[in-house]
Amino acid sequence: MAPATTDRDRWLALGLLVAALAIAYFVLLHPWWTVPMIDVESRIETLQERELRIRTQLAQAPDVEKRLVQVQAAQRGR
């Protein structure tokens, strides 16, 4: 007859399985997938900030051009 599996043995086996999966994640998946995705996220944030600055500057272009025309007209009037 096979020895009866106790609840303690089942919990121990489950704990070992969880530990093995956690180790496998940190050894295999984390460096291969998660770390590059963190780097990509950083690059995306940088590009979004750059795009926002450029859009802001482009939105100001008509005002800057008007002011330039005013200054040039004022200089011609001297």
PDB file of N, CA and C in Angstrom:
ATOM      1  N   MET A   1       0.814  -1.179   0.000  1.00  0.00           N
ATOM      2  CA  MET A   1       0.000   0.000   0.000  1.00  0.00           C
ATOM      3  C   MET A   1       0.870   1.260   0.000  1.00  0.00           C
ATOM      4  N   ALA A   2       0.457   2.280  -0.769  1.00  0.00           N
ATOM      5  CA  ALA A   2       1.202   3.534  -0.832  1.00  0.00           C
ATOM      6  C   ALA A   2       0.912   4.356   0.418  1.00  0.00           C
ATOM      7  N   PRO A   3       1.917   5.065   0.898  1.00  0.00           N
ATOM      8  CA  PRO A   3       1.683   5.894   2.083  1.00  0.00           C
ATOM      9  C   PRO A   3       0.711   7.026   1.755  1.00  0.00           C
ATOM     10  N   ALA A   4      -0.132   7.330   2.709  1.00  0.00           N
ATOM     11  CA  ALA A   4      -1.138   8.377   2.521  1.00  0.00           C
ATOM     12  C   ALA A   4      -0.455   9.744   2.469  1.00  0.00           C
ATOM     13  N   THR A   5      -0.878  10.561   1.508  1.00  0.00           N
ATOM     14  CA  THR A   5      -0.339  11.910   1.387  1.00  0.00           C
ATOM     15  C   THR A   5      -1.087  12.802   2.369  1.00  0.00           C
ATOM     16  N   THR A   6      -0.336  13.450   3.196  1.00  0.00           N
ATOM     17  CA  THR A   6      -0.965  14.319   4.197  1.00  0.00           C
ATOM     18  C   THR A   6      -1.151  15.723   3.626  1.00  0.00           C
ATOM     19  N   ASP A   7      -1.986  16.484   4.302  1.00  0.00           N
ATOM     20  CA  ASP A   7      -2.202  17.874   3.885  1.00  0.00           C
ATOM     21  C   ASP A   7      -0.901  18.667   3.950  1.00  0.00           C
ATOM     22  N   ARG A   8      -0.086  18.348   4.939  1.00  0.00           N
ATOM     23  CA  ARG A   8       1.196  19.041   5.089  1.00  0.00           C
ATOM     24  C   ARG A   8       2.074  18.794   3.872  1.00  0.00           C
ATOM     25  N   ASP A   9       2.102  17.569   3.385  1.00  0.00           N
ATOM     26  CA  ASP A   9       2.909  17.239   2.209  1.00  0.00           C
ATOM     27  C   ASP A   9       2.395  17.965   0.969  1.00  0.00           C
ATOM     28  N   ARG A  10       1.096  18.071   0.859  1.00  0.00           N
ATOM     29  CA  ARG A  10       0.525  18.783  -0.294  1.00  0.00           C
ATOM     30  C   ARG A  10       0.891  20.267  -0.257  1.00  0.00           C
ATOM     31  N   TRP A  11       0.791  20.879   0.910  1.00  0.00           N
ATOM     32  CA  TRP A  11       1.162  22.282   1.039  1.00  0.00           C
ATOM     33  C   TRP A  11       2.648  22.486   0.782  1.00  0.00           C
ATOM     34  N   LEU A  12       3.456  21.555   1.258  1.00  0.00           N
ATOM     35  CA  LEU A  12       4.896  21.634   1.018  1.00  0.00           C
ATOM     36  C   LEU A  12       5.185  21.530  -0.481  1.00  0.00           C
ATOM     37  N   ALA A  13       4.521  20.610  -1.161  1.00  0.00           N
ATOM     38  CA  ALA A  13       4.708  20.459  -2.608  1.00  0.00           C
ATOM     39  C   ALA A  13       4.256  21.719  -3.345  1.00  0.00           C
ATOM     40  N   LEU A  14       3.139  22.290  -2.925  1.00  0.00           N
ATOM     41  CA  LEU A  14       2.656  23.518  -3.544  1.00  0.00           C
ATOM     42  C   LEU A  14       3.639  24.667  -3.315  1.00  0.00           C
ATOM     43  N   GLY A  15       4.157  24.760  -2.110  1.00  0.00           N
ATOM     44  CA  GLY A  15       5.150  25.793  -1.804  1.00  0.00           C
ATOM     45  C   GLY A  15       6.407  25.632  -2.642  1.00  0.00           C
ATOM     46  N   LEU A  16       6.865  24.397  -2.799  1.00  0.00           N
ATOM     47  CA  LEU A  16       8.047  24.147  -3.626  1.00  0.00           C
ATOM     48  C   LEU A  16       7.775  24.494  -5.091  1.00  0.00           C
ATOM     49  N   LEU A  17       6.573  24.192  -5.561  1.00  0.00           N
ATOM     50  CA  LEU A  17       6.211  24.536  -6.933  1.00  0.00           C
ATOM     51  C   LEU A  17       6.216  26.050  -7.134  1.00  0.00           C
ATOM     52  N   VAL A  18       5.632  26.781  -6.194  1.00  0.00           N
ATOM     53  CA  VAL A  18       5.613  28.243  -6.283  1.00  0.00           C
ATOM     54  C   VAL A  18       7.034  28.792  -6.254  1.00  0.00           C
ATOM     55  N   ALA A  19       7.876  28.246  -5.384  1.00  0.00           N
ATOM     56  CA  ALA A  19       9.269  28.692  -5.312  1.00  0.00           C
ATOM     57  C   ALA A  19       9.998  28.406  -6.620  1.00  0.00           C
ATOM     58  N   ALA A  20       9.782  27.236  -7.188  1.00  0.00           N
ATOM     59  CA  ALA A  20      10.434  26.881  -8.455  1.00  0.00           C
ATOM     60  C   ALA A  20       9.965  27.799  -9.581  1.00  0.00           C
ATOM     61  N   LEU A  21       8.672  28.111  -9.609  1.00  0.00           N
ATOM     62  CA  LEU A  21       8.160  29.016 -10.637  1.00  0.00           C
ATOM     63  C   LEU A  21       8.719  30.432 -10.466  1.00  0.00           C
ATOM     64  N   ALA A  22       8.841  30.878  -9.230  1.00  0.00           N
ATOM     65  CA  ALA A  22       9.399  32.209  -8.979  1.00  0.00           C
ATOM     66  C   ALA A  22      10.858  32.273  -9.421  1.00  0.00           C
ATOM     67  N   ILE A  23      11.620  31.245  -9.102  1.00  0.00           N
ATOM     68  CA  ILE A  23      13.025  31.201  -9.522  1.00  0.00           C
ATOM     69  C   ILE A  23      13.117  31.169 -11.045  1.00  0.00           C
ATOM     70  N   ALA A  24      12.274  30.354 -11.676  1.00  0.00           N
ATOM     71  CA  ALA A  24      12.282  30.274 -13.142  1.00  0.00           C
ATOM     72  C   ALA A  24      11.940  31.628 -13.755  1.00  0.00           C
ATOM     73  N   TYR A  25      10.996  32.346 -13.169  1.00  0.00           N
ATOM     74  CA  TYR A  25      10.633  33.668 -13.682  1.00  0.00           C
ATOM     75  C   TYR A  25      11.827  34.610 -13.609  1.00  0.00           C
ATOM     76  N   PHE A  26      12.468  34.677 -12.429  1.00  0.00           N
ATOM     77  CA  PHE A  26      13.563  35.627 -12.249  1.00  0.00           C
ATOM     78  C   PHE A  26      14.815  35.239 -13.024  1.00  0.00           C
ATOM     79  N   VAL A  27      14.993  33.969 -13.308  1.00  0.00           N
ATOM     80  CA  VAL A  27      16.175  33.536 -14.057  1.00  0.00           C
ATOM     81  C   VAL A  27      15.932  33.607 -15.566  1.00  0.00           C
ATOM     82  N   LEU A  28      14.743  33.234 -16.006  1.00  0.00           N
ATOM     83  CA  LEU A  28      14.482  33.128 -17.442  1.00  0.00           C
ATOM     84  C   LEU A  28      13.695  34.304 -18.010  1.00  0.00           C
ATOM     85  N   LEU A  29      12.542  34.565 -17.470  1.00  0.00           N
ATOM     86  CA  LEU A  29      11.634  35.525 -18.086  1.00  0.00           C
ATOM     87  C   LEU A  29      11.993  36.975 -17.775  1.00  0.00           C
ATOM     88  N   HIS A  30      12.347  37.268 -16.543  1.00  0.00           N
ATOM     89  CA  HIS A  30      12.594  38.654 -16.149  1.00  0.00           C
ATOM     90  C   HIS A  30      13.704  39.304 -16.979  1.00  0.00           C
ATOM     91  N   PRO A  31      14.890  38.715 -17.081  1.00  0.00           N
ATOM     92  CA  PRO A  31      15.937  39.387 -17.871  1.00  0.00           C
ATOM     93  C   PRO A  31      15.635  39.409 -19.370  1.00  0.00           C
ATOM     94  N   TRP A  32      14.897  38.430 -19.849  1.00  0.00           N
ATOM     95  CA  TRP A  32      14.646  38.319 -21.281  1.00  0.00           C
ATOM     96  C   TRP A  32      13.514  39.232 -21.739  1.00  0.00           C
ATOM     97  N   TRP A  33      12.506  39.458 -20.894  1.00  0.00           N
ATOM     98  CA  TRP A  33      11.325  40.204 -21.314  1.00  0.00           C
ATOM     99  C   TRP A  33      11.107  41.471 -20.494  1.00  0.00           C
ATOM    100  N   THR A  34      11.106  41.366 -19.185  1.00  0.00           N
ATOM    101  CA  THR A  34      10.719  42.486 -18.332  1.00  0.00           C
ATOM    102  C   THR A  34      11.734  43.624 -18.379  1.00  0.00           C
ATOM    103  N   VAL A  35      13.015  43.308 -18.262  1.00  0.00           N
ATOM    104  CA  VAL A  35      14.041  44.356 -18.264  1.00  0.00           C
ATOM    105  C   VAL A  35      14.022  45.149 -19.573  1.00  0.00           C
ATOM    106  N   PRO A  36      13.981  44.496 -20.746  1.00  0.00           N
ATOM    107  CA  PRO A  36      13.886  45.291 -21.979  1.00  0.00           C
ATOM    108  C   PRO A  36      12.610  46.133 -22.058  1.00  0.00           C
ATOM    109  N   MET A  37      11.502  45.624 -21.520  1.00  0.00           N
ATOM    110  CA  MET A  37      10.264  46.400 -21.549  1.00  0.00           C
ATOM    111  C   MET A  37      10.371  47.641 -20.662  1.00  0.00           C
ATOM    112  N   ILE A  38      11.088  47.539 -19.557  1.00  0.00           N
ATOM    113  CA  ILE A  38      11.311  48.706 -18.695  1.00  0.00           C
ATOM    114  C   ILE A  38      12.137  49.744 -19.444  1.00  0.00           C
ATOM    115  N   ASP A  39      13.164  49.295 -20.181  1.00  0.00           N
ATOM    116  CA  ASP A  39      13.974  50.209 -20.985  1.00  0.00           C
ATOM    117  C   ASP A  39      13.137  50.871 -22.074  1.00  0.00           C
ATOM    118  N   VAL A  40      12.276  50.101 -22.712  1.00  0.00           N
ATOM    119  CA  VAL A  40      11.403  50.646 -23.759  1.00  0.00           C
ATOM    120  C   VAL A  40      10.449  51.673 -23.163  1.00  0.00           C
ATOM    121  N   GLU A  41       9.920  51.385 -21.987  1.00  0.00           N
ATOM    122  CA  GLU A  41       9.015  52.333 -21.329  1.00  0.00           C
ATOM    123  C   GLU A  41       9.720  53.662 -21.067  1.00  0.00           C
ATOM    124  N   SER A  42      10.969  53.587 -20.627  1.00  0.00           N
ATOM    125  CA  SER A  42      11.742  54.800 -20.386  1.00  0.00           C
ATOM    126  C   SER A  42      11.939  55.582 -21.681  1.00  0.00           C
ATOM    127  N   ARG A  43      12.240  54.885 -22.751  1.00  0.00           N
ATOM    128  CA  ARG A  43      12.434  55.538 -24.056  1.00  0.00           C
ATOM    129  C   ARG A  43      11.126  56.181 -24.534  1.00  0.00           C
ATOM    130  N   ILE A  44      10.018  55.496 -24.330  1.00  0.00           N
ATOM    131  CA  ILE A  44       8.715  56.041 -24.726  1.00  0.00           C
ATOM    132  C   ILE A  44       8.419  57.326 -23.959  1.00  0.00           C
ATOM    133  N   GLU A  45       8.687  57.331 -22.654  1.00  0.00           N
ATOM    134  CA  GLU A  45       8.455  58.540 -21.852  1.00  0.00           C
ATOM    135  C   GLU A  45       9.301  59.699 -22.365  1.00  0.00           C
ATOM    136  N   THR A  46      10.565  59.418 -22.688  1.00  0.00           N
ATOM    137  CA  THR A  46      11.452  60.456 -23.206  1.00  0.00           C
ATOM    138  C   THR A  46      10.917  61.025 -24.512  1.00  0.00           C
ATOM    139  N   LEU A  47      10.478  60.145 -25.401  1.00  0.00           N
ATOM    140  CA  LEU A  47       9.952  60.599 -26.690  1.00  0.00           C
ATOM    141  C   LEU A  47       8.644  61.368 -26.534  1.00  0.00           C
ATOM    142  N   GLN A  48       7.804  60.961 -25.584  1.00  0.00           N
ATOM    143  CA  GLN A  48       6.553  61.689 -25.353  1.00  0.00           C
ATOM    144  C   GLN A  48       6.828  63.094 -24.826  1.00  0.00           C
ATOM    145  N   GLU A  49       7.806  63.217 -23.932  1.00  0.00           N
ATOM    146  CA  GLU A  49       8.165  64.539 -23.420  1.00  0.00           C
ATOM    147  C   GLU A  49       8.714  65.413 -24.544  1.00  0.00           C
ATOM    148  N   ARG A  50       9.534  64.824 -25.402  1.00  0.00           N
ATOM    149  CA  ARG A  50      10.096  65.564 -26.531  1.00  0.00           C
ATOM    150  C   ARG A  50       8.986  66.020 -27.477  1.00  0.00           C
ATOM    151  N   GLU A  51       8.057  65.118 -27.771  1.00  0.00           N
ATOM    152  CA  GLU A  51       6.947  65.470 -28.660  1.00  0.00           C
ATOM    153  C   GLU A  51       6.118  66.606 -28.076  1.00  0.00           C
ATOM    154  N   LEU A  52       5.884  66.570 -26.766  1.00  0.00           N
ATOM    155  CA  LEU A  52       5.107  67.625 -26.115  1.00  0.00           C
ATOM    156  C   LEU A  52       5.815  68.976 -26.237  1.00  0.00           C
ATOM    157  N   ARG A  53       7.137  68.979 -26.015  1.00  0.00           N
ATOM    158  CA  ARG A  53       7.892  70.229 -26.158  1.00  0.00           C
ATOM    159  C   ARG A  53       7.804  70.763 -27.588  1.00  0.00           C
ATOM    160  N   ILE A  54       7.939  69.877 -28.567  1.00  0.00           N
ATOM    161  CA  ILE A  54       7.898  70.303 -29.964  1.00  0.00           C
ATOM    162  C   ILE A  54       6.508  70.817 -30.331  1.00  0.00           C
ATOM    163  N   ARG A  55       5.456  70.108 -29.887  1.00  0.00           N
ATOM    164  CA  ARG A  55       4.094  70.571 -30.180  1.00  0.00           C
ATOM    165  C   ARG A  55       3.827  71.930 -29.545  1.00  0.00           C
ATOM    166  N   THR A  56       4.342  72.140 -28.341  1.00  0.00           N
ATOM    167  CA  THR A  56       4.167  73.426 -27.666  1.00  0.00           C
ATOM    168  C   THR A  56       4.861  74.534 -28.452  1.00  0.00           C
ATOM    169  N   GLN A  57       6.075  74.251 -28.908  1.00  0.00           N
ATOM    170  CA  GLN A  57       6.799  75.249 -29.697  1.00  0.00           C
ATOM    171  C   GLN A  57       6.084  75.544 -31.012  1.00  0.00           C
ATOM    172  N   LEU A  58       5.572  74.509 -31.658  1.00  0.00           N
ATOM    173  CA  LEU A  58       4.849  74.713 -32.913  1.00  0.00           C
ATOM    174  C   LEU A  58       3.560  75.498 -32.694  1.00  0.00           C
ATOM    175  N   ALA A  59       2.921  75.283 -31.559  1.00  0.00           N
ATOM    176  CA  ALA A  59       1.693  76.023 -31.261  1.00  0.00           C
ATOM    177  C   ALA A  59       1.992  77.503 -31.027  1.00  0.00           C
ATOM    178  N   GLN A  60       3.195  77.813 -30.559  1.00  0.00           N
ATOM    179  CA  GLN A  60       3.579  79.200 -30.305  1.00  0.00           C
ATOM    180  C   GLN A  60       4.074  79.907 -31.566  1.00  0.00           C
ATOM    181  N   ALA A  61       4.309  79.177 -32.629  1.00  0.00           N
ATOM    182  CA  ALA A  61       4.890  79.750 -33.845  1.00  0.00           C
ATOM    183  C   ALA A  61       4.100  80.938 -34.393  1.00  0.00           C
ATOM    184  N   PRO A  62       2.774  80.877 -34.500  1.00  0.00           N
ATOM    185  CA  PRO A  62       2.050  82.051 -35.027  1.00  0.00           C
ATOM    186  C   PRO A  62       2.244  83.302 -34.159  1.00  0.00           C
ATOM    187  N   ASP A  63       2.237  83.146 -32.843  1.00  0.00           N
ATOM    188  CA  ASP A  63       2.444  84.295 -31.953  1.00  0.00           C
ATOM    189  C   ASP A  63       3.850  84.861 -32.110  1.00  0.00           C
ATOM    190  N   VAL A  64       4.825  83.984 -32.226  1.00  0.00           N
ATOM    191  CA  VAL A  64       6.210  84.426 -32.395  1.00  0.00           C
ATOM    192  C   VAL A  64       6.360  85.157 -33.724  1.00  0.00           C
ATOM    193  N   GLU A  65       5.723  84.636 -34.761  1.00  0.00           N
ATOM    194  CA  GLU A  65       5.811  85.287 -36.070  1.00  0.00           C
ATOM    195  C   GLU A  65       5.159  86.671 -36.045  1.00  0.00           C
ATOM    196  N   LYS A  66       4.011  86.794 -35.379  1.00  0.00           N
ATOM    197  CA  LYS A  66       3.357  88.106 -35.259  1.00  0.00           C
ATOM    198  C   LYS A  66       4.266  89.096 -34.537  1.00  0.00           C
ATOM    199  N   ARG A  67       4.859  88.636 -33.456  1.00  0.00           N
ATOM    200  CA  ARG A  67       5.753  89.512 -32.685  1.00  0.00           C
ATOM    201  C   ARG A  67       6.974  89.897 -33.512  1.00  0.00           C
ATOM    202  N   LEU A  68       7.487  88.982 -34.306  1.00  0.00           N
ATOM    203  CA  LEU A  68       8.629  89.275 -35.165  1.00  0.00           C
ATOM    204  C   LEU A  68       8.268  90.352 -36.183  1.00  0.00           C
ATOM    205  N   VAL A  69       7.095  90.236 -36.773  1.00  0.00           N
ATOM    206  CA  VAL A  69       6.640  91.250 -37.734  1.00  0.00           C
ATOM    207  C   VAL A  69       6.514  92.604 -37.045  1.00  0.00           C
ATOM    208  N   GLN A  70       5.997  92.627 -35.821  1.00  0.00           N
ATOM    209  CA  GLN A  70       5.868  93.883 -35.075  1.00  0.00           C
ATOM    210  C   GLN A  70       7.231  94.505 -34.805  1.00  0.00           C
ATOM    211  N   VAL A  71       8.182  93.690 -34.390  1.00  0.00           N
ATOM    212  CA  VAL A  71       9.521  94.200 -34.079  1.00  0.00           C
ATOM    213  C   VAL A  71      10.194  94.710 -35.344  1.00  0.00           C
ATOM    214  N   GLN A  72      10.057  93.972 -36.453  1.00  0.00           N
ATOM    215  CA  GLN A  72      10.661  94.417 -37.709  1.00  0.00           C
ATOM    216  C   GLN A  72      10.031  95.729 -38.176  1.00  0.00           C
ATOM    217  N   ALA A  73       8.721  95.861 -38.017  1.00  0.00           N
ATOM    218  CA  ALA A  73       8.047  97.105 -38.396  1.00  0.00           C
ATOM    219  C   ALA A  73       8.512  98.257 -37.511  1.00  0.00           C
ATOM    220  N   ALA A  74       8.695  97.996 -36.244  1.00  0.00           N
ATOM    221  CA  ALA A  74       9.162  99.032 -35.324  1.00  0.00           C
ATOM    222  C   ALA A  74      10.582  99.458 -35.670  1.00  0.00           C
ATOM    223  N   GLN A  75      11.412  98.522 -36.073  1.00  0.00           N
ATOM    224  CA  GLN A  75      12.789  98.866 -36.433  1.00  0.00           C
ATOM    225  C   GLN A  75      12.833  99.661 -37.741  1.00  0.00           C
ATOM    226  N   ARG A  76      11.942  99.352 -38.669  1.00  0.00           N
ATOM    227  CA  ARG A  76      11.897 100.091 -39.930  1.00  0.00           C
ATOM    228  C   ARG A  76      11.394 101.520 -39.705  1.00  0.00           C
ATOM    229  N   GLY A  77      10.571 101.699 -38.701  1.00  0.00           N
ATOM    230  CA  GLY A  77       9.992 103.017 -38.418  1.00  0.00           C
ATOM    231  C   GLY A  77      10.958 103.957 -37.731  1.00  0.00           C
ATOM    232  N   ARG A  78      12.073 103.529 -37.314  1.00  0.00           N
ATOM    233  CA  ARG A  78      13.030 104.399 -36.609  1.00  0.00           C
ATOM    234  C   ARG A  78      13.682 105.366 -37.513  1.00  0.00           C
TER     235      ARG A  78
END
